[in-house]
PDB file of N, CA and C in Angstrom:
ATOM      1  N   UNK A   1      41.990 -55.962 -47.030  1.00  0.00           N
ATOM      2  CA  UNK A   1      40.953 -55.104 -46.974  1.00  0.00           C
ATOM      3  C   UNK A   1      41.164 -54.564 -46.047  1.00  0.00           C
ATOM      4  N   UNK A   2      41.350 -53.405 -45.299  1.00  0.00           N
ATOM      5  CA  UNK A   2      41.033 -53.114 -44.127  1.00  0.00           C
ATOM      6  C   UNK A   2      39.131 -52.709 -43.994  1.00  0.00           C
ATOM      7  N   UNK A   3      39.217 -53.218 -42.572  1.00  0.00           N
ATOM      8  CA  UNK A   3      37.878 -53.053 -42.008  1.00  0.00           C
ATOM      9  C   UNK A   3      37.396 -52.539 -40.928  1.00  0.00           C
ATOM     10  N   UNK A   4      37.408 -51.469 -41.524  1.00  0.00           N
ATOM     11  CA  UNK A   4      37.156 -50.274 -40.315  1.00  0.00           C
ATOM     12  C   UNK A   4      35.737 -50.067 -39.803  1.00  0.00           C
ATOM     13  N   UNK A   5      34.705 -50.734 -39.962  1.00  0.00           N
ATOM     14  CA  UNK A   5      33.412 -50.103 -39.467  1.00  0.00           C
ATOM     15  C   UNK A   5      33.196 -51.960 -38.938  1.00  0.00           C
ATOM     16  N   UNK A   6      32.225 -52.084 -38.183  1.00  0.00           N
ATOM     17  CA  UNK A   6      31.600 -53.168 -37.429  1.00  0.00           C
ATOM     18  C   UNK A   6      30.786 -53.398 -38.587  1.00  0.00           C
ATOM     19  N   UNK A   7      29.876 -53.068 -39.573  1.00  0.00           N
ATOM     20  CA  UNK A   7      28.753 -53.089 -40.556  1.00  0.00           C
ATOM     21  C   UNK A   7      29.810 -54.475 -41.567  1.00  0.00           C
ATOM     22  N   UNK A   8      31.012 -53.616 -42.215  1.00  0.00           N
ATOM     23  CA  UNK A   8      31.489 -54.250 -42.796  1.00  0.00           C
ATOM     24  C   UNK A   8      32.072 -55.846 -42.386  1.00  0.00           C
ATOM     25  N   UNK A   9      32.809 -55.762 -40.505  1.00  0.00           N
ATOM     26  CA  UNK A   9      33.469 -56.845 -40.447  1.00  0.00           C
ATOM     27  C   UNK A   9      32.226 -57.899 -40.441  1.00  0.00           C
ATOM     28  N   UNK A  10      30.905 -57.433 -39.666  1.00  0.00           N
ATOM     29  CA  UNK A  10      29.666 -58.082 -39.605  1.00  0.00           C
ATOM     30  C   UNK A  10      29.634 -59.077 -40.862  1.00  0.00           C
ATOM     31  N   UNK A  11      29.326 -58.078 -42.155  1.00  0.00           N
ATOM     32  CA  UNK A  11      28.922 -58.580 -43.438  1.00  0.00           C
ATOM     33  C   UNK A  11      30.182 -59.321 -43.899  1.00  0.00           C
ATOM     34  N   UNK A  12      31.162 -59.666 -43.771  1.00  0.00           N
ATOM     35  CA  UNK A  12      32.100 -60.808 -43.907  1.00  0.00           C
ATOM     36  C   UNK A  12      31.861 -61.469 -43.211  1.00  0.00           C
ATOM     37  N   UNK A  13      31.490 -61.564 -42.237  1.00  0.00           N
ATOM     38  CA  UNK A  13      31.205 -62.759 -41.409  1.00  0.00           C
ATOM     39  C   UNK A  13      30.450 -63.197 -41.625  1.00  0.00           C
ATOM     40  N   UNK A  14      29.199 -63.091 -42.100  1.00  0.00           N
ATOM     41  CA  UNK A  14      27.934 -63.642 -42.346  1.00  0.00           C
ATOM     42  C   UNK A  14      28.264 -63.774 -43.395  1.00  0.00           C
ATOM     43  N   UNK A  15      28.960 -63.351 -44.678  1.00  0.00           N
ATOM     44  CA  UNK A  15      28.849 -64.121 -46.039  1.00  0.00           C
ATOM     45  C   UNK A  15      30.111 -65.303 -45.941  1.00  0.00           C
ATOM     46  N   UNK A  16      30.797 -65.506 -44.674  1.00  0.00           N
ATOM     47  CA  UNK A  16      31.375 -66.807 -44.899  1.00  0.00           C
ATOM     48  C   UNK A  16      31.064 -67.685 -43.864  1.00  0.00           C
ATOM     49  N   UNK A  17      29.671 -67.103 -43.863  1.00  0.00           N
ATOM     50  CA  UNK A  17      28.965 -68.411 -42.617  1.00  0.00           C
ATOM     51  C   UNK A  17      28.663 -68.288 -41.213  1.00  0.00           C
ATOM     52  N   UNK A  18      29.433 -67.184 -40.795  1.00  0.00           N
ATOM     53  CA  UNK A  18      29.239 -66.925 -39.529  1.00  0.00           C
ATOM     54  C   UNK A  18      27.948 -66.390 -38.876  1.00  0.00           C
ATOM     55  N   UNK A  19      27.142 -66.568 -37.802  1.00  0.00           N
ATOM     56  CA  UNK A  19      26.291 -66.333 -37.414  1.00  0.00           C
ATOM     57  C   UNK A  19      26.891 -65.107 -36.386  1.00  0.00           C
ATOM     58  N   UNK A  20      26.722 -63.692 -36.506  1.00  0.00           N
ATOM     59  CA  UNK A  20      27.213 -62.836 -35.690  1.00  0.00           C
ATOM     60  C   UNK A  20      26.633 -62.701 -34.228  1.00  0.00           C
ATOM     61  N   UNK A  21      27.054 -63.001 -33.087  1.00  0.00           N
ATOM     62  CA  UNK A  21      26.340 -62.447 -31.636  1.00  0.00           C
ATOM     63  C   UNK A  21      26.631 -60.733 -31.217  1.00  0.00           C
ATOM     64  N   UNK A  22      27.807 -60.684 -31.357  1.00  0.00           N
ATOM     65  CA  UNK A  22      27.958 -59.018 -30.527  1.00  0.00           C
ATOM     66  C   UNK A  22      29.640 -58.781 -31.409  1.00  0.00           C
ATOM     67  N   UNK A  23      29.737 -57.987 -31.673  1.00  0.00           N
ATOM     68  CA  UNK A  23      30.884 -57.271 -32.576  1.00  0.00           C
ATOM     69  C   UNK A  23      31.350 -55.925 -32.059  1.00  0.00           C
ATOM     70  N   UNK A  24      32.606 -55.703 -31.952  1.00  0.00           N
ATOM     71  CA  UNK A  24      33.212 -54.116 -31.191  1.00  0.00           C
ATOM     72  C   UNK A  24      34.373 -53.451 -31.504  1.00  0.00           C
ATOM     73  N   UNK A  25      34.819 -52.792 -32.252  1.00  0.00           N
ATOM     74  CA  UNK A  25      35.603 -51.825 -32.286  1.00  0.00           C
ATOM     75  C   UNK A  25      36.292 -51.456 -31.159  1.00  0.00           C
ATOM     76  N   UNK A  26      37.559 -51.622 -30.045  1.00  0.00           N
ATOM     77  CA  UNK A  26      37.995 -51.202 -29.323  1.00  0.00           C
ATOM     78  C   UNK A  26      39.241 -50.328 -29.342  1.00  0.00           C
ATOM     79  N   UNK A  27      39.072 -48.938 -29.359  1.00  0.00           N
ATOM     80  CA  UNK A  27      40.275 -48.365 -29.364  1.00  0.00           C
ATOM     81  C   UNK A  27      41.246 -48.846 -28.133  1.00  0.00           C
ATOM     82  N   UNK A  28      42.915 -49.024 -28.546  1.00  0.00           N
ATOM     83  CA  UNK A  28      43.377 -48.752 -27.266  1.00  0.00           C
ATOM     84  C   UNK A  28      44.458 -48.160 -27.690  1.00  0.00           C
ATOM     85  N   UNK A  29      44.918 -47.110 -27.486  1.00  0.00           N
ATOM     86  CA  UNK A  29      46.147 -46.152 -27.945  1.00  0.00           C
ATOM     87  C   UNK A  29      47.229 -46.600 -26.977  1.00  0.00           C
ATOM     88  N   UNK A  30      48.028 -47.035 -27.538  1.00  0.00           N
ATOM     89  CA  UNK A  30      49.238 -47.298 -26.987  1.00  0.00           C
ATOM     90  C   UNK A  30      50.808 -46.892 -26.962  1.00  0.00           C
ATOM     91  N   UNK A  31      51.326 -45.949 -26.009  1.00  0.00           N
ATOM     92  CA  UNK A  31      52.308 -45.305 -25.873  1.00  0.00           C
ATOM     93  C   UNK A  31      53.668 -46.343 -26.417  1.00  0.00           C
ATOM     94  N   UNK A  32      54.440 -45.911 -27.147  1.00  0.00           N
ATOM     95  CA  UNK A  32      55.339 -46.203 -27.465  1.00  0.00           C
ATOM     96  C   UNK A  32      56.380 -45.667 -27.163  1.00  0.00           C
ATOM     97  N   UNK A  33      57.431 -46.732 -25.932  1.00  0.00           N
ATOM     98  CA  UNK A  33      58.536 -46.157 -25.223  1.00  0.00           C
ATOM     99  C   UNK A  33      59.749 -46.123 -26.428  1.00  0.00           C
ATOM    100  N   UNK A  34      59.942 -47.273 -27.454  1.00  0.00           N
ATOM    101  CA  UNK A  34      61.018 -46.729 -28.599  1.00  0.00           C
ATOM    102  C   UNK A  34      60.905 -45.643 -29.177  1.00  0.00           C
ATOM    103  N   UNK A  35      59.487 -44.723 -29.093  1.00  0.00           N
ATOM    104  CA  UNK A  35      58.788 -43.919 -30.240  1.00  0.00           C
ATOM    105  C   UNK A  35      58.871 -44.570 -31.720  1.00  0.00           C
ATOM    106  N   UNK A  36      58.460 -44.059 -32.625  1.00  0.00           N
ATOM    107  CA  UNK A  36      57.698 -44.431 -33.746  1.00  0.00           C
ATOM    108  C   UNK A  36      58.188 -44.809 -34.505  1.00  0.00           C
ATOM    109  N   UNK A  37      59.794 -44.542 -34.404  1.00  0.00           N
ATOM    110  CA  UNK A  37      60.833 -44.834 -35.083  1.00  0.00           C
ATOM    111  C   UNK A  37      61.346 -46.673 -35.002  1.00  0.00           C
ATOM    112  N   UNK A  38      61.345 -46.814 -33.726  1.00  0.00           N
ATOM    113  CA  UNK A  38      61.367 -47.848 -33.389  1.00  0.00           C
ATOM    114  C   UNK A  38      60.406 -48.972 -33.926  1.00  0.00           C
ATOM    115  N   UNK A  39      59.101 -48.729 -33.627  1.00  0.00           N
ATOM    116  CA  UNK A  39      57.735 -49.229 -33.958  1.00  0.00           C
ATOM    117  C   UNK A  39      58.052 -49.509 -35.256  1.00  0.00           C
ATOM    118  N   UNK A  40      57.933 -48.386 -35.766  1.00  0.00           N
ATOM    119  CA  UNK A  40      58.472 -48.822 -37.429  1.00  0.00           C
ATOM    120  C   UNK A  40      59.461 -49.580 -37.297  1.00  0.00           C
ATOM    121  N   UNK A  41      60.466 -49.667 -37.642  1.00  0.00           N
ATOM    122  CA  UNK A  41      61.913 -50.384 -37.784  1.00  0.00           C
ATOM    123  C   UNK A  41      61.347 -51.996 -37.168  1.00  0.00           C
ATOM    124  N   UNK A  42      60.629 -51.860 -36.230  1.00  0.00           N
ATOM    125  CA  UNK A  42      60.033 -53.286 -35.994  1.00  0.00           C
ATOM    126  C   UNK A  42      59.558 -53.960 -36.432  1.00  0.00           C
ATOM    127  N   UNK A  43      58.324 -53.146 -36.543  1.00  0.00           N
ATOM    128  CA  UNK A  43      57.231 -53.805 -37.283  1.00  0.00           C
ATOM    129  C   UNK A  43      56.477 -53.673 -38.642  1.00  0.00           C
ATOM    130  N   UNK A  44      57.254 -52.596 -39.218  1.00  0.00           N
ATOM    131  CA  UNK A  44      57.679 -52.337 -40.805  1.00  0.00           C
ATOM    132  C   UNK A  44      58.275 -52.731 -41.399  1.00  0.00           C
ATOM    133  N   UNK A  45      59.313 -53.493 -40.873  1.00  0.00           N
ATOM    134  CA  UNK A  45      60.695 -53.462 -41.545  1.00  0.00           C
ATOM    135  C   UNK A  45      60.670 -54.518 -42.687  1.00  0.00           C
ATOM    136  N   UNK A  46      59.569 -55.311 -42.801  1.00  0.00           N
ATOM    137  CA  UNK A  46      59.544 -55.698 -44.324  1.00  0.00           C
ATOM    138  C   UNK A  46      59.180 -55.167 -45.389  1.00  0.00           C
ATOM    139  N   UNK A  47      58.564 -54.140 -45.103  1.00  0.00           N
ATOM    140  CA  UNK A  47      58.611 -52.727 -45.798  1.00  0.00           C
ATOM    141  C   UNK A  47      59.737 -52.065 -45.836  1.00  0.00           C
ATOM    142  N   UNK A  48      60.458 -51.448 -44.965  1.00  0.00           N
ATOM    143  CA  UNK A  48      61.104 -50.719 -45.255  1.00  0.00           C
ATOM    144  C   UNK A  48      62.399 -51.283 -45.846  1.00  0.00           C
ATOM    145  N   UNK A  49      62.690 -52.370 -45.750  1.00  0.00           N
ATOM    146  CA  UNK A  49      63.849 -53.312 -46.207  1.00  0.00           C
ATOM    147  C   UNK A  49      63.769 -53.563 -47.587  1.00  0.00           C
ATOM    148  N   UNK A  50      62.729 -52.948 -48.459  1.00  0.00           N
ATOM    149  CA  UNK A  50      62.698 -53.193 -49.752  1.00  0.00           C
ATOM    150  C   UNK A  50      63.571 -52.037 -50.246  1.00  0.00           C
ATOM    151  N   UNK A  51      63.747 -51.047 -49.747  1.00  0.00           N
ATOM    152  CA  UNK A  51      64.030 -50.202 -50.202  1.00  0.00           C
ATOM    153  C   UNK A  51      65.954 -49.741 -49.814  1.00  0.00           C
ATOM    154  N   UNK A  52      66.555 -49.615 -51.008  1.00  0.00           N
ATOM    155  CA  UNK A  52      68.172 -49.548 -50.818  1.00  0.00           C
ATOM    156  C   UNK A  52      68.809 -48.258 -50.239  1.00  0.00           C
ATOM    157  N   UNK A  53      69.487 -48.300 -49.191  1.00  0.00           N
ATOM    158  CA  UNK A  53      69.893 -47.077 -48.976  1.00  0.00           C
ATOM    159  C   UNK A  53      70.590 -45.892 -49.891  1.00  0.00           C
ATOM    160  N   UNK A  54      70.477 -44.371 -49.574  1.00  0.00           N
ATOM    161  CA  UNK A  54      69.451 -43.942 -48.698  1.00  0.00           C
ATOM    162  C   UNK A  54      68.224 -43.744 -48.598  1.00  0.00           C
ATOM    163  N   UNK A  55      67.868 -44.258 -49.421  1.00  0.00           N
ATOM    164  CA  UNK A  55      65.865 -44.647 -50.153  1.00  0.00           C
ATOM    165  C   UNK A  55      65.439 -44.756 -48.839  1.00  0.00           C
ATOM    166  N   UNK A  56      65.608 -46.367 -48.274  1.00  0.00           N
ATOM    167  CA  UNK A  56      65.222 -46.485 -46.881  1.00  0.00           C
ATOM    168  C   UNK A  56      65.316 -45.875 -45.780  1.00  0.00           C
ATOM    169  N   UNK A  57      65.946 -44.276 -45.217  1.00  0.00           N
ATOM    170  CA  UNK A  57      66.575 -43.846 -44.265  1.00  0.00           C
ATOM    171  C   UNK A  57      65.119 -42.484 -44.808  1.00  0.00           C
ATOM    172  N   UNK A  58      65.364 -42.501 -45.881  1.00  0.00           N
ATOM    173  CA  UNK A  58      64.461 -40.697 -46.754  1.00  0.00           C
ATOM    174  C   UNK A  58      62.904 -41.095 -46.158  1.00  0.00           C
ATOM    175  N   UNK A  59      62.495 -43.063 -46.819  1.00  0.00           N
ATOM    176  CA  UNK A  59      60.977 -43.109 -46.538  1.00  0.00           C
ATOM    177  C   UNK A  59      60.767 -43.145 -44.940  1.00  0.00           C
ATOM    178  N   UNK A  60      61.531 -43.464 -44.163  1.00  0.00           N
ATOM    179  CA  UNK A  60      61.277 -43.581 -42.828  1.00  0.00           C
ATOM    180  C   UNK A  60      61.229 -42.363 -42.071  1.00  0.00           C
ATOM    181  N   UNK A  61      62.127 -41.934 -42.702  1.00  0.00           N
ATOM    182  CA  UNK A  61      62.066 -40.229 -42.069  1.00  0.00           C
ATOM    183  C   UNK A  61      60.566 -39.521 -42.850  1.00  0.00           C
ATOM    184  N   UNK A  62      60.392 -39.535 -44.011  1.00  0.00           N
ATOM    185  CA  UNK A  62      58.946 -39.476 -44.495  1.00  0.00           C
ATOM    186  C   UNK A  62      57.692 -39.586 -44.054  1.00  0.00           C
ATOM    187  N   UNK A  63      57.770 -41.073 -43.274  1.00  0.00           N
ATOM    188  CA  UNK A  63      56.540 -41.815 -42.579  1.00  0.00           C
ATOM    189  C   UNK A  63      56.306 -40.960 -41.704  1.00  0.00           C
ATOM    190  N   UNK A  64      57.581 -40.717 -40.683  1.00  0.00           N
ATOM    191  CA  UNK A  64      57.243 -40.182 -39.088  1.00  0.00           C
ATOM    192  C   UNK A  64      56.750 -38.784 -39.402  1.00  0.00           C
ATOM    193  N   UNK A  65      57.270 -38.107 -40.617  1.00  0.00           N
ATOM    194  CA  UNK A  65      56.750 -36.991 -40.424  1.00  0.00           C
ATOM    195  C   UNK A  65      55.373 -36.731 -41.059  1.00  0.00           C
ATOM    196  N   UNK A  66      54.591 -36.949 -41.882  1.00  0.00           N
ATOM    197  CA  UNK A  66      53.549 -37.673 -41.828  1.00  0.00           C
ATOM    198  C   UNK A  66      52.460 -37.782 -40.599  1.00  0.00           C
ATOM    199  N   UNK A  67      53.352 -39.081 -39.817  1.00  0.00           N
ATOM    200  CA  UNK A  67      52.375 -39.329 -38.520  1.00  0.00           C
ATOM    201  C   UNK A  67      52.325 -38.415 -37.436  1.00  0.00           C
ATOM    202  N   UNK A  68      53.201 -37.809 -37.324  1.00  0.00           N
ATOM    203  CA  UNK A  68      53.866 -36.531 -36.281  1.00  0.00           C
ATOM    204  C   UNK A  68      52.477 -35.903 -36.301  1.00  0.00           C
ATOM    205  N   UNK A  69      51.893 -35.158 -36.973  1.00  0.00           N
ATOM    206  CA  UNK A  69      51.029 -33.879 -36.335  1.00  0.00           C
ATOM    207  C   UNK A  69      49.702 -35.116 -35.488  1.00  0.00           C
ATOM    208  N   UNK A  70      49.526 -36.500 -35.755  1.00  0.00           N
ATOM    209  CA  UNK A  70      48.289 -37.133 -35.177  1.00  0.00           C
ATOM    210  C   UNK A  70      48.500 -38.209 -34.414  1.00  0.00           C
ATOM    211  N   UNK A  71      50.322 -38.329 -34.308  1.00  0.00           N
ATOM    212  CA  UNK A  71      50.056 -39.362 -33.002  1.00  0.00           C
ATOM    213  C   UNK A  71      51.584 -39.143 -32.195  1.00  0.00           C
ATOM    214  N   UNK A  72      52.314 -37.967 -32.534  1.00  0.00           N
ATOM    215  CA  UNK A  72      53.151 -37.714 -31.396  1.00  0.00           C
ATOM    216  C   UNK A  72      52.519 -36.400 -30.484  1.00  0.00           C
ATOM    217  N   UNK A  73      52.775 -36.310 -29.180  1.00  0.00           N
ATOM    218  CA  UNK A  73      52.407 -35.312 -28.647  1.00  0.00           C
ATOM    219  C   UNK A  73      53.456 -34.098 -28.590  1.00  0.00           C
ATOM    220  N   UNK A  74      52.992 -33.051 -27.756  1.00  0.00           N
ATOM    221  CA  UNK A  74      53.585 -31.681 -27.348  1.00  0.00           C
ATOM    222  C   UNK A  74      54.961 -31.705 -26.785  1.00  0.00           C
ATOM    223  N   UNK A  75      55.237 -33.226 -26.080  1.00  0.00           N
ATOM    224  CA  UNK A  75      56.470 -33.628 -25.227  1.00  0.00           C
ATOM    225  C   UNK A  75      57.030 -34.588 -26.750  1.00  0.00           C
ATOM    226  N   UNK A  76      56.421 -34.932 -27.560  1.00  0.00           N
ATOM    227  CA  UNK A  76      57.007 -35.956 -27.880  1.00  0.00           C
ATOM    228  C   UNK A  76      57.384 -37.071 -28.066  1.00  0.00           C
ATOM    229  N   UNK A  77      56.041 -37.280 -27.418  1.00  0.00           N
ATOM    230  CA  UNK A  77      55.776 -38.788 -26.659  1.00  0.00           C
ATOM    231  C   UNK A  77      55.255 -39.509 -28.241  1.00  0.00           C
ATOM    232  N   UNK A  78      54.932 -40.919 -28.544  1.00  0.00           N
ATOM    233  CA  UNK A  78      54.342 -41.424 -29.372  1.00  0.00           C
ATOM    234  C   UNK A  78      53.639 -42.036 -29.075  1.00  0.00           C
ATOM    235  N   UNK A  79      52.243 -42.478 -29.599  1.00  0.00           N
ATOM    236  CA  UNK A  79      51.492 -43.328 -29.161  1.00  0.00           C
ATOM    237  C   UNK A  79      50.842 -43.962 -30.857  1.00  0.00           C
ATOM    238  N   UNK A  80      50.771 -45.682 -30.198  1.00  0.00           N
ATOM    239  CA  UNK A  80      49.896 -45.789 -32.216  1.00  0.00           C
ATOM    240  C   UNK A  80      48.739 -46.021 -31.130  1.00  0.00           C
ATOM    241  N   UNK A  81      47.636 -45.935 -32.353  1.00  0.00           N
ATOM    242  CA  UNK A  81      46.720 -45.977 -32.644  1.00  0.00           C
ATOM    243  C   UNK A  81      45.694 -47.250 -32.847  1.00  0.00           C
ATOM    244  N   UNK A  82      46.382 -48.150 -31.926  1.00  0.00           N
ATOM    245  CA  UNK A  82      45.485 -50.121 -32.395  1.00  0.00           C
ATOM    246  C   UNK A  82      44.380 -49.423 -31.789  1.00  0.00           C
ATOM    247  N   UNK A  83      43.218 -50.461 -32.914  1.00  0.00           N
ATOM    248  CA  UNK A  83      41.652 -51.355 -32.622  1.00  0.00           C
ATOM    249  C   UNK A  83      41.923 -52.383 -32.191  1.00  0.00           C
ATOM    250  N   UNK A  84      41.736 -52.239 -31.229  1.00  0.00           N
ATOM    251  CA  UNK A  84      40.866 -54.029 -30.877  1.00  0.00           C
ATOM    252  C   UNK A  84      39.906 -54.974 -31.892  1.00  0.00           C
ATOM    253  N   UNK A  85      39.865 -55.680 -32.254  1.00  0.00           N
ATOM    254  CA  UNK A  85      38.551 -56.290 -32.962  1.00  0.00           C
ATOM    255  C   UNK A  85      37.801 -57.009 -31.841  1.00  0.00           C
ATOM    256  N   UNK A  86      37.011 -57.225 -31.133  1.00  0.00           N
ATOM    257  CA  UNK A  86      36.389 -58.240 -30.618  1.00  0.00           C
ATOM    258  C   UNK A  86      34.352 -58.287 -31.007  1.00  0.00           C
ATOM    259  N   UNK A  87      34.519 -60.029 -31.099  1.00  0.00           N
ATOM    260  CA  UNK A  87      33.173 -60.053 -31.885  1.00  0.00           C
ATOM    261  C   UNK A  87      32.978 -61.665 -31.165  1.00  0.00           C
ATOM    262  N   UNK A  88      31.946 -62.195 -31.033  1.00  0.00           N
ATOM    263  CA  UNK A  88      31.302 -63.339 -30.611  1.00  0.00           C
ATOM    264  C   UNK A  88      30.099 -63.787 -31.847  1.00  0.00           C
ATOM    265  N   UNK A  89      30.921 -64.905 -32.363  1.00  0.00           N
ATOM    266  CA  UNK A  89      30.411 -65.098 -33.492  1.00  0.00           C
ATOM    267  C   UNK A  89      30.594 -66.903 -34.173  1.00  0.00           C
ATOM    268  N   UNK A  90      29.696 -67.376 -34.461  1.00  0.00           N
ATOM    269  CA  UNK A  90      29.493 -69.606 -34.759  1.00  0.00           C
ATOM    270  C   UNK A  90      29.255 -69.014 -36.019  1.00  0.00           C
ATOM    271  N   UNK A  91      29.608 -70.966 -36.425  1.00  0.00           N
ATOM    272  CA  UNK A  91      29.547 -70.890 -37.644  1.00  0.00           C
ATOM    273  C   UNK A  91      28.205 -71.813 -37.850  1.00  0.00           C
ATOM    274  N   UNK A  92      27.597 -71.886 -39.074  1.00  0.00           N
ATOM    275  CA  UNK A  92      26.805 -72.013 -39.468  1.00  0.00           C
ATOM    276  C   UNK A  92      26.518 -73.213 -39.230  1.00  0.00           C
ATOM    277  N   UNK A  93      25.834 -74.548 -38.759  1.00  0.00           N
ATOM    278  CA  UNK A  93      25.869 -75.804 -39.144  1.00  0.00           C
ATOM    279  C   UNK A  93      25.630 -76.540 -40.733  1.00  0.00           C
TER     280      UNK A  93
END
């Protein structure tokens, strides 16, 4: 389940017995020194390894082309669009 907004995260924590004091989603754009291909080969390995070659390379190429418009700038530099979740909560007694 992807929790993309504060209300959903708050509801999930409350449903599981937490009293939520504060919650924030903090954008953390991160430049990728190895480019998106290097990042996907490292962190997406378990996904891409399920495909035999040449399908693996084709899937990686397709992923890069889908991500390029939103995560690659005009100089060819890639950025990962991480979002950090910060919250303060305590479990109900």
